[in-house]
N, C-alpha and C. Protein backbone atom coordinates (compact mmCIF):
# COMPACT_ATOMS: atom_id res chain seq x y z
N UNK A 1 1.01 -0.67 0.14
CA UNK A 1 -0.16 -0.10 0.09
C UNK A 1 0.59 1.32 0.14
N UNK A 2 0.51 2.14 -0.54
CA UNK A 2 1.28 3.23 -1.07
C UNK A 2 1.52 4.48 0.17
N UNK A 3 2.35 4.73 0.80
CA UNK A 3 2.21 6.13 1.41
C UNK A 3 1.91 7.30 0.82
N UNK A 4 1.06 7.67 1.13
CA UNK A 4 0.15 9.10 0.98
C UNK A 4 1.14 10.31 1.55
N UNK A 5 1.31 11.20 0.47
CA UNK A 5 2.11 12.22 1.21
C UNK A 5 1.48 13.67 0.69
N UNK A 6 1.68 14.64 1.55
CA UNK A 6 1.18 16.19 1.31
C UNK A 6 2.37 16.69 1.36
N UNK A 7 2.72 17.71 0.45
CA UNK A 7 3.57 18.18 0.39
C UNK A 7 3.19 19.95 0.56
N UNK A 8 3.96 20.50 1.50
CA UNK A 8 3.98 21.82 2.15
C UNK A 8 4.86 22.74 1.99
N UNK A 9 5.79 23.60 1.04
CA UNK A 9 6.95 24.54 0.61
C UNK A 9 6.21 25.13 0.09
N UNK A 10 6.52 26.70 0.28
CA UNK A 10 6.10 27.69 -0.23
C UNK A 10 6.85 28.15 -1.66
N UNK A 11 7.78 27.61 -1.47
CA UNK A 11 8.73 27.69 -3.21
C UNK A 11 8.45 26.69 -4.76
N UNK A 12 7.83 27.10 -5.07
CA UNK A 12 6.92 26.29 -6.58
C UNK A 12 8.09 25.39 -6.80
N UNK A 13 9.51 26.07 -6.75
CA UNK A 13 10.56 24.85 -7.79
C UNK A 13 11.07 23.78 -6.98
N UNK A 14 11.22 24.20 -5.22
CA UNK A 14 11.18 23.06 -4.42
C UNK A 14 10.53 22.00 -4.45
N UNK A 15 8.77 22.50 -4.33
CA UNK A 15 7.89 21.80 -4.15
C UNK A 15 7.89 20.89 -5.45
N UNK A 16 8.07 21.04 -6.82
CA UNK A 16 7.80 20.17 -7.54
C UNK A 16 9.25 19.15 -7.77
N UNK A 17 10.40 19.65 -7.28
CA UNK A 17 11.19 19.54 -6.78
C UNK A 17 11.24 17.63 -6.13
N UNK A 18 10.59 18.33 -5.06
CA UNK A 18 10.28 17.48 -3.80
C UNK A 18 8.92 16.32 -4.52
N UNK A 19 8.35 16.67 -5.46
CA UNK A 19 7.49 15.48 -5.81
C UNK A 19 7.82 14.76 -7.12
N UNK A 20 8.87 15.22 -7.83
CA UNK A 20 9.70 14.52 -8.83
C UNK A 20 10.40 13.40 -7.61
N UNK A 21 11.01 13.45 -6.83
CA UNK A 21 11.80 12.61 -6.40
C UNK A 21 10.89 11.52 -5.28
N UNK A 22 9.77 12.07 -4.95
CA UNK A 22 8.74 11.56 -4.12
C UNK A 22 7.82 10.24 -4.79
N UNK A 23 8.01 10.73 -6.73
CA UNK A 23 6.57 10.00 -7.33
C UNK A 23 7.70 8.91 -7.48
N UNK A 24 9.21 8.91 -7.92
CA UNK A 24 10.15 8.17 -9.07
C UNK A 24 9.60 6.78 -7.63
N UNK A 25 9.90 6.77 -6.21
CA UNK A 25 9.57 5.80 -5.59
C UNK A 25 7.90 5.17 -5.69
N UNK A 26 7.84 3.86 -6.24
CA UNK A 26 6.26 3.49 -6.43
C UNK A 26 5.90 3.16 -5.19
N UNK A 27 6.08 3.17 -4.18
CA UNK A 27 5.16 3.17 -3.17
C UNK A 27 4.99 4.21 -2.08
N UNK A 28 5.18 5.48 -3.09
CA UNK A 28 4.71 6.88 -2.18
C UNK A 28 3.87 7.25 -3.29
N UNK A 29 2.84 8.24 -3.02
CA UNK A 29 2.25 8.90 -3.59
C UNK A 29 2.14 10.52 -3.19
N UNK A 30 2.13 11.70 -3.73
CA UNK A 30 2.19 12.75 -3.22
C UNK A 30 0.61 12.97 -3.77
N UNK A 31 -0.44 13.33 -2.61
CA UNK A 31 -1.55 13.63 -2.40
C UNK A 31 -2.06 14.93 -3.01
N UNK A 32 -1.47 15.51 -2.74
CA UNK A 32 -1.50 17.23 -2.58
C UNK A 32 -0.24 18.09 -2.39
N UNK A 33 -0.12 19.24 -2.71
CA UNK A 33 0.29 20.67 -2.44
C UNK A 33 -0.03 21.60 -1.76
N UNK A 34 0.85 22.21 -0.79
CA UNK A 34 0.29 23.22 -0.39
C UNK A 34 1.28 24.66 -0.63
N UNK A 35 1.32 25.99 -0.39
CA UNK A 35 2.13 26.74 -0.84
C UNK A 35 2.20 27.84 0.92
N UNK A 36 0.96 27.24 2.07
CA UNK A 36 1.22 27.95 3.07
C UNK A 36 0.83 26.95 4.36
N UNK A 37 1.20 27.29 5.54
CA UNK A 37 0.63 26.36 6.51
C UNK A 37 -0.74 26.37 6.77
N UNK A 38 -1.64 27.04 6.00
CA UNK A 38 -3.08 27.37 6.81
C UNK A 38 -3.61 26.30 5.68
N UNK A 39 -3.45 26.57 4.43
CA UNK A 39 -3.28 25.51 3.31
C UNK A 39 -3.13 24.28 3.49
N UNK A 40 -1.76 23.99 4.05
CA UNK A 40 -1.57 22.93 4.55
C UNK A 40 -2.52 22.08 5.59
N UNK A 41 -2.86 22.74 6.56
CA UNK A 41 -3.86 22.10 7.53
C UNK A 41 -5.19 21.53 6.24
N UNK A 42 -5.69 22.67 5.86
CA UNK A 42 -7.13 22.58 5.01
C UNK A 42 -6.91 21.23 4.62
N UNK A 43 -6.26 21.07 3.60
CA UNK A 43 -5.92 19.65 2.71
C UNK A 43 -5.48 18.35 3.87
N UNK A 44 -4.93 18.47 4.68
CA UNK A 44 -4.57 17.44 5.62
C UNK A 44 -5.97 17.20 6.41
N UNK A 45 -6.85 17.85 6.90
CA UNK A 45 -7.86 17.72 7.26
C UNK A 45 -9.19 16.97 6.19
N UNK A 46 -8.83 17.37 4.83
CA UNK A 46 -9.83 16.68 3.66
C UNK A 46 -9.02 15.06 3.17
N UNK A 47 -8.03 15.69 3.12
CA UNK A 47 -7.52 14.19 2.65
C UNK A 47 -6.70 13.30 3.38
N UNK A 48 -5.89 13.51 4.71
CA UNK A 48 -5.91 12.39 5.69
C UNK A 48 -4.29 11.69 5.28
N UNK A 49 -3.59 12.47 4.67
CA UNK A 49 -2.45 11.75 4.35
C UNK A 49 -1.54 11.00 5.61
N UNK A 50 -0.51 10.23 4.88
CA UNK A 50 0.16 9.56 6.17
C UNK A 50 1.03 10.28 6.84
N UNK A 51 1.85 10.98 5.52
CA UNK A 51 2.86 12.04 6.03
C UNK A 51 2.98 13.24 5.45
N UNK A 52 2.99 14.71 6.07
CA UNK A 52 2.98 15.64 5.75
C UNK A 52 4.48 16.22 5.87
N UNK A 53 4.91 16.79 4.55
CA UNK A 53 6.21 17.02 4.65
C UNK A 53 6.32 18.49 4.73
N UNK A 54 6.85 19.25 5.65
CA UNK A 54 6.17 20.47 5.83
C UNK A 54 7.60 21.14 6.06
N UNK A 55 7.41 22.09 5.25
CA UNK A 55 8.58 23.28 5.22
C UNK A 55 8.41 24.50 6.58
N UNK A 56 9.10 24.71 7.30
CA UNK A 56 8.97 25.56 8.29
C UNK A 56 8.84 27.13 8.19
N UNK A 57 9.56 27.68 7.17
CA UNK A 57 9.12 28.71 7.08
C UNK A 57 8.38 29.19 5.99
N UNK A 58 7.01 29.63 5.95
CA UNK A 58 6.06 29.79 4.89
C UNK A 58 5.64 31.08 5.29
N UNK A 59 4.98 32.17 4.39
CA UNK A 59 4.25 32.86 4.41
C UNK A 59 2.81 32.47 5.17
N UNK A 60 1.73 33.25 5.57
CA UNK A 60 0.64 33.53 6.06
C UNK A 60 0.45 32.48 7.38
N UNK A 61 1.05 31.54 7.30
CA UNK A 61 1.09 30.61 8.65
C UNK A 61 2.39 29.55 8.33
N UNK A 62 3.47 29.84 9.42
CA UNK A 62 4.52 28.67 9.28
C UNK A 62 4.33 27.41 9.48
N UNK A 63 5.35 26.69 9.23
CA UNK A 63 5.32 25.18 9.31
C UNK A 63 5.33 24.42 10.67
N UNK A 64 5.30 25.24 11.79
CA UNK A 64 5.72 24.79 13.04
C UNK A 64 4.34 24.93 13.58
N UNK A 65 3.55 26.54 13.52
CA UNK A 65 2.23 26.27 14.04
C UNK A 65 1.45 24.94 13.10
N UNK A 66 1.45 25.23 12.12
CA UNK A 66 0.70 24.31 11.41
C UNK A 66 0.94 22.75 11.68
N UNK A 67 2.20 22.48 11.81
CA UNK A 67 2.61 21.22 12.62
C UNK A 67 1.75 20.91 13.82
N UNK A 68 1.50 22.16 14.64
CA UNK A 68 1.16 22.27 16.09
C UNK A 68 -0.14 21.75 15.57
N UNK A 69 -0.97 22.29 14.90
CA UNK A 69 -2.31 22.29 14.81
C UNK A 69 -2.88 20.84 14.03
N UNK A 70 -1.98 20.47 13.13
CA UNK A 70 -2.22 19.18 12.77
C UNK A 70 -1.93 17.83 13.88
N UNK A 71 -0.95 18.04 14.47
CA UNK A 71 -0.95 17.02 15.44
C UNK A 71 -1.83 17.21 16.44
N UNK A 72 -2.30 18.46 17.22
CA UNK A 72 -3.57 18.65 18.01
C UNK A 72 -4.83 17.93 17.64
N UNK A 73 -5.03 18.31 15.94
CA UNK A 73 -6.41 17.94 15.63
C UNK A 73 -6.38 16.36 15.06
N UNK A 74 -5.00 16.04 14.36
CA UNK A 74 -5.63 14.58 13.35
C UNK A 74 -3.78 14.23 13.74
N UNK A 75 -4.21 13.67 14.78
CA UNK A 75 -2.83 13.10 15.65
C UNK A 75 -2.13 11.52 14.90
N UNK A 76 -3.27 10.96 13.81
CA UNK A 76 -2.56 9.84 12.91
C UNK A 76 -1.56 10.09 12.20
N UNK A 77 -1.75 11.38 11.79
CA UNK A 77 -0.85 11.93 10.66
C UNK A 77 0.12 12.15 11.28
N UNK A 78 1.51 12.03 10.46
CA UNK A 78 2.90 12.03 11.10
C UNK A 78 3.33 13.58 9.82
N UNK A 79 4.54 14.20 10.83
CA UNK A 79 4.74 15.44 10.15
C UNK A 79 5.94 15.18 9.97
N UNK A 80 6.73 15.33 8.91
CA UNK A 80 8.34 15.76 8.69
C UNK A 80 8.53 17.09 8.11
N UNK A 81 9.35 17.61 9.53
CA UNK A 81 9.72 18.67 9.22
C UNK A 81 10.77 19.04 8.36
N UNK A 82 10.65 19.91 7.04
CA UNK A 82 11.83 20.41 6.17
C UNK A 82 12.13 21.59 6.18
N UNK A 83 13.66 21.92 6.49
CA UNK A 83 14.25 23.37 6.61
C UNK A 83 15.27 23.38 6.01
N UNK A 84 15.76 24.38 5.95
CA UNK A 84 17.36 24.84 5.51
C UNK A 84 17.90 25.22 6.69
N UNK A 85 17.11 25.30 8.31
CA UNK A 85 17.62 25.49 9.19
C UNK A 85 18.16 24.83 10.32
N UNK A 86 19.30 24.70 10.45
CA UNK A 86 20.11 23.65 11.73
C UNK A 86 20.12 24.10 13.10
N UNK A 87 19.46 25.21 13.10
CA UNK A 87 19.56 26.15 14.09
C UNK A 87 18.95 25.32 15.45
N UNK A 88 19.38 25.40 16.66
CA UNK A 88 18.87 24.46 17.96
C UNK A 88 17.44 24.74 17.89
N UNK A 89 17.08 26.46 17.95
CA UNK A 89 15.29 27.12 18.08
C UNK A 89 14.63 26.23 17.39
N UNK A 90 15.19 26.17 15.69
CA UNK A 90 13.82 25.52 14.87
C UNK A 90 13.76 24.15 14.82
N UNK A 91 15.13 23.11 15.35
CA UNK A 91 14.52 21.98 15.54
C UNK A 91 13.57 21.59 17.06
N UNK A 92 14.22 22.44 18.30
CA UNK A 92 13.35 22.28 19.44
C UNK A 92 12.18 22.73 19.32
N UNK A 93 11.49 23.29 18.46
CA UNK A 93 10.30 24.07 18.05
C UNK A 93 9.32 23.01 17.68
N UNK A 94 10.05 22.82 16.18
CA UNK A 94 9.49 21.48 15.58
C UNK A 94 8.93 20.44 15.95
N UNK A 95 9.57 20.03 16.85
CA UNK A 95 9.81 18.74 17.78
C UNK A 95 8.58 19.22 18.89
N UNK A 96 8.99 20.17 19.26
CA UNK A 96 7.84 20.53 20.53
C UNK A 96 6.88 20.51 19.74
N UNK A 97 6.44 21.03 18.86
CA UNK A 97 4.98 21.02 18.05
C UNK A 97 4.63 19.47 17.50
N UNK A 98 5.63 18.51 17.59
CA UNK A 98 4.99 17.36 17.09
C UNK A 98 5.32 16.62 16.22
N UNK A 99 6.26 17.56 15.47
CA UNK A 99 6.89 16.24 14.17
C UNK A 99 7.98 15.44 14.62
N UNK A 100 7.54 14.32 13.72
CA UNK A 100 8.22 12.89 14.06
C UNK A 100 9.67 13.00 13.67
N UNK A 101 9.86 13.86 12.16
CA UNK A 101 11.10 13.89 11.95
C UNK A 101 11.61 15.56 11.61
N UNK A 102 13.18 15.76 11.23
CA UNK A 102 13.50 16.86 11.19
C UNK A 102 14.73 16.23 9.82
N UNK A 103 14.24 17.36 8.87
CA UNK A 103 15.29 16.87 7.71
C UNK A 103 15.68 18.39 6.94
N UNK A 104 17.14 18.42 6.52
CA UNK A 104 17.64 19.69 6.08
C UNK A 104 17.52 19.47 4.59
N UNK A 105 17.35 20.78 4.04
CA UNK A 105 16.83 20.59 2.72
C UNK A 105 18.13 20.28 1.90
N UNK A 106 19.20 19.98 2.20
CA UNK A 106 20.81 19.56 1.40
C UNK A 106 20.93 18.20 1.43
N UNK A 107 19.94 17.42 1.89
CA UNK A 107 20.30 16.41 2.04
C UNK A 107 19.83 15.57 0.66
N UNK A 108 20.73 14.24 0.55
CA UNK A 108 20.10 13.29 -0.58
C UNK A 108 18.58 13.23 -0.40
N UNK A 109 18.42 12.15 -2.17
CA UNK A 109 17.21 12.60 -2.49
C UNK A 109 16.85 10.49 -1.39
N UNK A 110 17.93 9.84 -1.27
CA UNK A 110 17.78 8.78 -0.72
C UNK A 110 17.65 8.69 0.45
N UNK A 111 17.82 10.32 1.16
CA UNK A 111 17.56 10.01 3.16
C UNK A 111 16.21 10.73 3.16
N UNK A 112 15.67 11.66 1.74
CA UNK A 112 14.18 12.05 1.68
C UNK A 112 13.63 11.04 2.06
N UNK A 113 13.32 10.27 1.16
CA UNK A 113 12.94 8.73 1.01
C UNK A 113 12.88 7.81 2.60
N UNK A 114 13.76 7.69 3.01
CA UNK A 114 14.36 7.12 4.02
C UNK A 114 13.29 7.83 5.01
N UNK A 115 13.48 9.13 5.15
CA UNK A 115 12.98 9.73 6.37
C UNK A 115 11.35 9.90 5.96
N UNK A 116 10.64 9.69 4.83
CA UNK A 116 9.12 9.69 4.95
C UNK A 116 8.76 8.27 5.00
N UNK A 117 9.63 6.97 4.89
CA UNK A 117 9.13 5.80 5.43
C UNK A 117 9.68 5.76 6.78
N UNK A 118 10.26 6.00 7.39
CA UNK A 118 10.57 5.84 9.01
C UNK A 118 9.61 6.66 9.32
N UNK A 119 9.33 7.90 9.52
CA UNK A 119 8.05 8.47 9.91
C UNK A 119 6.35 8.35 9.88
N UNK A 120 6.50 7.39 8.64
CA UNK A 120 5.27 6.94 8.23
C UNK A 120 5.07 6.03 9.08
N UNK A 121 5.82 5.30 9.65
CA UNK A 121 6.29 3.87 10.40
C UNK A 121 5.94 4.39 11.69
N UNK A 122 5.59 5.52 12.24
CA UNK A 122 6.00 5.94 13.11
C UNK A 122 6.93 6.09 14.67
N UNK A 123 7.96 6.28 13.52
CA UNK A 123 9.49 6.29 14.50
C UNK A 123 9.98 7.41 14.10
N UNK A 124 10.79 8.22 14.72
CA UNK A 124 11.35 9.16 14.51
C UNK A 124 12.61 9.41 13.44
N UNK A 125 13.05 10.30 13.07
CA UNK A 125 13.88 10.09 11.84
C UNK A 125 14.53 11.77 12.06
N UNK A 126 15.84 11.77 12.68
CA UNK A 126 16.62 13.18 12.49
C UNK A 126 17.70 12.93 11.63
N UNK A 127 18.17 13.63 10.78
CA UNK A 127 18.98 13.33 9.87
C UNK A 127 20.69 13.90 10.54
N UNK A 128 21.37 13.30 9.99
CA UNK A 128 22.85 13.21 10.98
C UNK A 128 23.19 14.89 11.78
N UNK A 129 23.23 16.12 10.65
CA UNK A 129 23.78 16.88 11.12
C UNK A 129 22.81 17.85 12.29
N UNK A 130 21.13 17.19 12.40
CA UNK A 130 20.58 17.54 13.58
C UNK A 130 20.74 16.48 14.73
N UNK A 131 20.94 15.61 14.32
CA UNK A 131 20.97 14.60 15.36
C UNK A 131 22.28 15.05 16.46
N UNK A 132 23.26 14.99 15.69
CA UNK A 132 24.38 16.33 16.09
C UNK A 132 24.37 17.60 16.77
N UNK A 133 23.34 18.41 16.10
CA UNK A 133 22.84 19.47 16.98
C UNK A 133 22.47 18.99 18.40
N UNK A 134 21.61 18.22 18.12
CA UNK A 134 21.07 17.81 19.64
C UNK A 134 21.82 17.44 20.48
N UNK A 135 22.69 16.30 20.11
CA UNK A 135 23.78 16.04 21.05
C UNK A 135 24.46 17.25 22.04
N UNK A 136 25.25 18.04 21.09
CA UNK A 136 25.48 19.24 21.07
C UNK A 136 24.90 19.80 22.40
N UNK A 137 23.95 20.27 22.17
CA UNK A 137 22.81 21.07 22.71
C UNK A 137 22.54 20.69 23.99
N UNK A 138 21.94 18.89 24.22
CA UNK A 138 21.42 18.77 25.25
C UNK A 138 21.41 18.97 26.35
N UNK A 139 22.57 18.95 26.95
CA UNK A 139 22.65 19.87 28.23
C UNK A 139 22.10 21.00 28.29
N UNK A 140 22.43 22.11 27.42
CA UNK A 140 21.74 23.61 27.58
C UNK A 140 20.33 23.01 27.47
N UNK A 141 19.28 22.26 26.65
CA UNK A 141 18.10 22.36 26.73
C UNK A 141 17.28 21.93 27.75
N UNK A 142 18.06 20.81 28.70
CA UNK A 142 17.59 20.08 29.57
C UNK A 142 17.76 20.96 30.90
N UNK A 143 18.98 21.57 30.86
CA UNK A 143 19.00 22.23 32.20
C UNK A 143 19.17 23.65 32.04
N UNK A 144 19.85 24.40 31.89
CA UNK A 144 19.99 25.92 31.87
C UNK A 144 18.89 26.61 31.15
N UNK A 145 18.46 26.20 29.78
CA UNK A 145 17.42 26.93 29.40
C UNK A 145 16.01 26.67 29.77
N UNK A 146 16.03 25.50 29.76
CA UNK A 146 14.41 25.31 30.30
C UNK A 146 13.99 25.51 31.79
N UNK A 147 14.98 25.88 32.36
CA UNK A 147 15.29 26.42 33.51
C UNK A 147 14.64 27.93 33.71
N UNK A 148 14.89 28.39 32.50
CA UNK A 148 14.43 30.17 32.38
C UNK A 148 13.25 30.27 32.41
N UNK A 149 12.26 31.57 32.69
CA UNK A 149 11.21 31.50 32.59
C UNK A 149 10.72 31.76 30.74
N UNK A 150 9.96 31.41 30.68
CA UNK A 150 9.50 31.61 29.08
C UNK A 150 8.41 32.43 28.71
N UNK A 151 8.20 33.32 27.51
CA UNK A 151 6.86 33.72 27.53
C UNK A 151 6.02 32.82 26.42
N UNK A 152 5.08 32.28 27.13
CA UNK A 152 3.67 31.88 26.53
C UNK A 152 2.54 32.73 25.90
N UNK A 153 2.96 32.45 24.30
CA UNK A 153 1.70 33.21 23.90
C UNK A 153 0.51 32.07 23.27
N UNK A 154 -0.34 32.66 23.31
CA UNK A 154 -1.33 31.26 22.58
C UNK A 154 -1.62 31.23 21.19
N UNK A 155 -2.34 30.27 20.99
CA UNK A 155 -2.45 29.94 19.19
C UNK A 155 -2.68 31.45 18.62
N UNK A 156 -3.57 32.01 18.85
CA UNK A 156 -4.12 33.07 17.92
C UNK A 156 -3.24 34.16 18.24
N UNK A 157 -2.64 34.38 19.39
CA UNK A 157 -1.10 35.21 19.50
C UNK A 157 -0.04 35.32 18.53
N UNK A 158 0.18 34.30 18.75
CA UNK A 158 1.01 34.25 17.11
C UNK A 158 1.00 34.03 16.21
N UNK A 159 -0.83 33.56 15.70
CA UNK A 159 -1.16 33.89 14.18
C UNK A 159 -0.28 35.83 13.81
N UNK A 160 -1.08 36.10 14.99
CA UNK A 160 -1.36 37.56 14.53
C UNK A 160 0.23 38.39 14.63
N UNK A 161 0.57 37.84 15.98
CA UNK A 161 2.47 38.01 15.39
C UNK A 161 3.13 38.08 13.97
N UNK A 162 3.03 36.31 13.66
CA UNK A 162 3.50 36.30 12.37
C UNK A 162 2.65 37.67 11.04
N UNK A 163 1.14 37.66 11.20
CA UNK A 163 1.14 37.85 10.30
C UNK A 163 1.53 39.47 10.13
N UNK A 164 1.70 40.11 11.22
CA UNK A 164 1.88 41.80 11.74
C UNK A 164 2.98 41.90 11.37
N UNK A 165 4.34 40.85 11.70
CA UNK A 165 5.79 40.65 11.48
C UNK A 165 5.76 40.38 9.51
N UNK A 166 4.86 39.69 9.07
CA UNK A 166 4.97 40.06 7.80
C UNK A 166 4.52 41.06 6.89
N UNK A 167 4.15 41.83 7.50
CA UNK A 167 3.80 43.38 6.89
C UNK A 167 2.13 43.89 6.73
N UNK A 168 1.48 42.65 7.29
CA UNK A 168 0.32 42.87 7.02
C UNK A 168 -0.76 43.89 7.93
N UNK A 169 -1.64 44.68 7.28
CA UNK A 169 -2.22 46.07 8.39
C UNK A 169 -2.86 45.24 9.13
N UNK A 170 -3.07 46.12 10.75
CA UNK A 170 -3.99 45.59 11.23
C UNK A 170 -5.56 44.87 10.55
N UNK A 171 -5.96 45.57 9.37
CA UNK A 171 -7.39 45.35 8.90
C UNK A 171 -6.62 44.30 7.70
N UNK A 172 -5.71 44.06 7.13
CA UNK A 172 -5.92 42.68 6.13
C UNK A 172 -5.45 41.60 7.52
N UNK A 173 -5.19 41.33 8.36
CA UNK A 173 -4.74 40.50 9.81
C UNK A 173 -5.81 40.08 10.05
N UNK A 174 -6.82 41.06 10.37
CA UNK A 174 -8.45 40.76 10.58
C UNK A 174 -8.80 40.34 9.39
N UNK A 175 -8.76 40.39 8.52
CA UNK A 175 -9.71 39.36 7.28
C UNK A 175 -9.05 38.27 7.31
N UNK A 176 -7.34 38.52 7.16
CA UNK A 176 -7.43 36.97 6.89
C UNK A 176 -7.38 35.79 8.01
N UNK A 177 -7.57 36.11 9.49
CA UNK A 177 -8.34 35.78 10.49
C UNK A 177 -9.57 35.44 10.38
N UNK A 178 -10.31 36.23 10.27
CA UNK A 178 -12.24 36.09 10.10
C UNK A 178 -12.34 36.88 11.63
N UNK A 179 -11.86 37.61 11.87
CA UNK A 179 -12.11 38.51 13.34
C UNK A 179 -12.13 39.98 13.09
N UNK A 180 -12.33 40.63 14.24
CA UNK A 180 -12.57 42.14 13.71
C UNK A 180 -11.07 43.01 13.99
N UNK A 181 -10.87 44.12 13.72
CA UNK A 181 -9.67 44.84 13.83
C UNK A 181 -9.33 45.18 14.68
N UNK A 182 -10.23 44.94 16.16
CA UNK A 182 -10.66 45.46 17.40
C UNK A 182 -10.44 44.20 18.07
N UNK A 183 -10.13 42.72 17.60
CA UNK A 183 -9.57 42.14 18.08
C UNK A 183 -8.34 41.72 18.02
N UNK A 184 -7.67 41.82 16.66
CA UNK A 184 -6.26 42.16 16.17
C UNK A 184 -6.07 43.04 16.70
N UNK A 185 -6.17 44.11 17.64
CA UNK A 185 -5.93 44.98 18.41
C UNK A 185 -5.36 44.75 18.97
N UNK A 186 -6.35 44.09 19.97
CA UNK A 186 -6.32 43.67 21.16
C UNK A 186 -5.51 42.56 21.38
N UNK A 187 -5.11 41.28 20.21
CA UNK A 187 -4.18 40.64 20.33
C UNK A 187 -2.92 41.33 20.50
N UNK A 188 -2.55 42.24 19.55
CA UNK A 188 -1.44 43.03 19.33
C UNK A 188 -1.20 43.62 20.73
N UNK A 189 -2.08 43.74 20.91
CA UNK A 189 -1.15 44.55 22.85
C UNK A 189 -0.87 43.86 23.71
N UNK A 190 -1.80 42.38 23.76
CA UNK A 190 -1.50 41.74 24.74
C UNK A 190 -0.23 40.92 24.30
N UNK A 191 0.42 40.95 23.15
CA UNK A 191 1.45 40.52 22.98
C UNK A 191 2.60 40.87 23.17
N UNK A 192 2.47 42.55 22.83
CA UNK A 192 3.62 43.71 23.31
C UNK A 192 3.82 43.38 24.83
N UNK A 193 2.70 43.44 25.60
CA UNK A 193 2.67 43.24 26.92
C UNK A 193 3.44 42.49 27.13
N UNK A 194 2.74 40.99 26.73
CA UNK A 194 3.76 40.01 27.43
C UNK A 194 5.43 39.45 26.68
N UNK A 195 5.61 40.02 25.61
CA UNK A 195 6.92 40.65 25.12
C UNK A 195 7.68 41.57 25.70
N UNK A 196 7.08 42.82 26.08
CA UNK A 196 7.88 43.79 27.33
C UNK A 196 8.12 44.55 25.81
N UNK A 197 7.93 44.70 24.54
CA UNK A 197 8.15 45.69 23.66
C UNK A 197 7.26 46.43 23.24
N UNK A 198 7.50 47.58 22.44
CA UNK A 198 6.60 48.86 22.52
C UNK A 198 6.30 48.95 21.00
N UNK A 199 7.24 48.56 20.09
CA UNK A 199 6.82 48.84 18.86
C UNK A 199 6.73 47.41 17.58
N UNK A 200 6.62 47.71 16.56
CA UNK A 200 6.06 46.35 15.50
C UNK A 200 7.47 46.33 15.23
N UNK A 201 8.52 46.70 15.04
CA UNK A 201 10.10 46.36 14.68
C UNK A 201 10.31 45.74 15.58
N UNK A 202 10.00 45.59 17.10
CA UNK A 202 10.53 44.59 18.02
C UNK A 202 9.89 43.55 17.71
N UNK A 203 8.45 43.59 17.28
CA UNK A 203 7.59 42.19 17.61
C UNK A 203 8.23 41.63 16.32
N UNK A 204 9.08 42.28 15.44
CA UNK A 204 9.47 41.65 13.57
C UNK A 204 10.23 40.88 14.25
N UNK A 205 11.59 41.41 14.87
CA UNK A 205 12.45 40.87 15.50
C UNK A 205 12.01 39.85 16.15
N UNK A 206 11.61 39.69 17.43
CA UNK A 206 10.93 38.32 17.94
C UNK A 206 10.39 37.35 17.22
N UNK A 207 9.50 37.74 16.47
CA UNK A 207 9.15 36.71 15.45
C UNK A 207 10.27 35.88 14.22
N UNK A 208 11.04 36.69 13.86
CA UNK A 208 12.31 36.22 13.21
C UNK A 208 13.11 35.29 14.23
N UNK A 209 13.60 35.62 15.39
CA UNK A 209 14.04 35.18 16.23
C UNK A 209 13.51 33.74 16.97
N UNK A 210 12.44 33.80 17.17
CA UNK A 210 11.64 32.40 17.22
C UNK A 210 11.17 31.44 16.21
N UNK A 211 11.56 32.19 14.94
CA UNK A 211 11.27 30.98 13.77
C UNK A 211 9.88 31.15 13.51
N UNK A 212 8.74 32.41 13.59
CA UNK A 212 7.65 32.00 12.90
C UNK A 212 7.48 32.68 11.97
N UNK A 213 8.34 33.51 11.36
CA UNK A 213 8.44 33.98 10.06
C UNK A 213 10.02 34.25 9.62
N UNK A 214 10.17 34.03 8.22
CA UNK A 214 11.64 34.17 7.44
C UNK A 214 11.89 35.36 7.06
N UNK A 215 10.42 36.05 6.92
CA UNK A 215 10.41 37.11 5.76
C UNK A 215 11.53 37.07 4.49
N UNK A 216 11.87 35.77 3.82
CA UNK A 216 12.10 35.36 2.73
C UNK A 216 11.46 36.19 1.58
């Protein structure tokens, strides 16, 4: 039986390359493509793929937030994070969001296929570079950094933060999320209060640092 794969990647050429690689494998079937996290969630709910290959830095809704929502709503679907970033922050956020694997975009095609098979089987897959990052940072993750106070943003606050950081106006953000302008303003004020910042520029810096957006 074929492994049903959904591709979530905002760069069309990369997406087409991934599809070509996966469809050369008789045991894999690419059932759909998405170019942002919001579309990935919608298609996953409709199609119930076995694996979602999820780019982490996409516009409108990033891959980490999309992963979090997919895993919470459709836990039988496995997410394989795909990123150009080997930074520990991205790895940690993806795994915390529920991704079953983490793959860098520069890996060989054989490793992509192996990762999809492994994740589809319910196992964890980390490419060698990422495994090295986790080993190097393990002590800091488990002691010093985890003991520091963290800022908790709600799912909606993260959405508002990403959209504002990507340059959307309050009105456009409200339209995208299907809420009122006043609601967006309230969320923005709450986020600023929690982060102890006073400008959209500072919000944008925080969003980039936390991997919510790359502004590519």
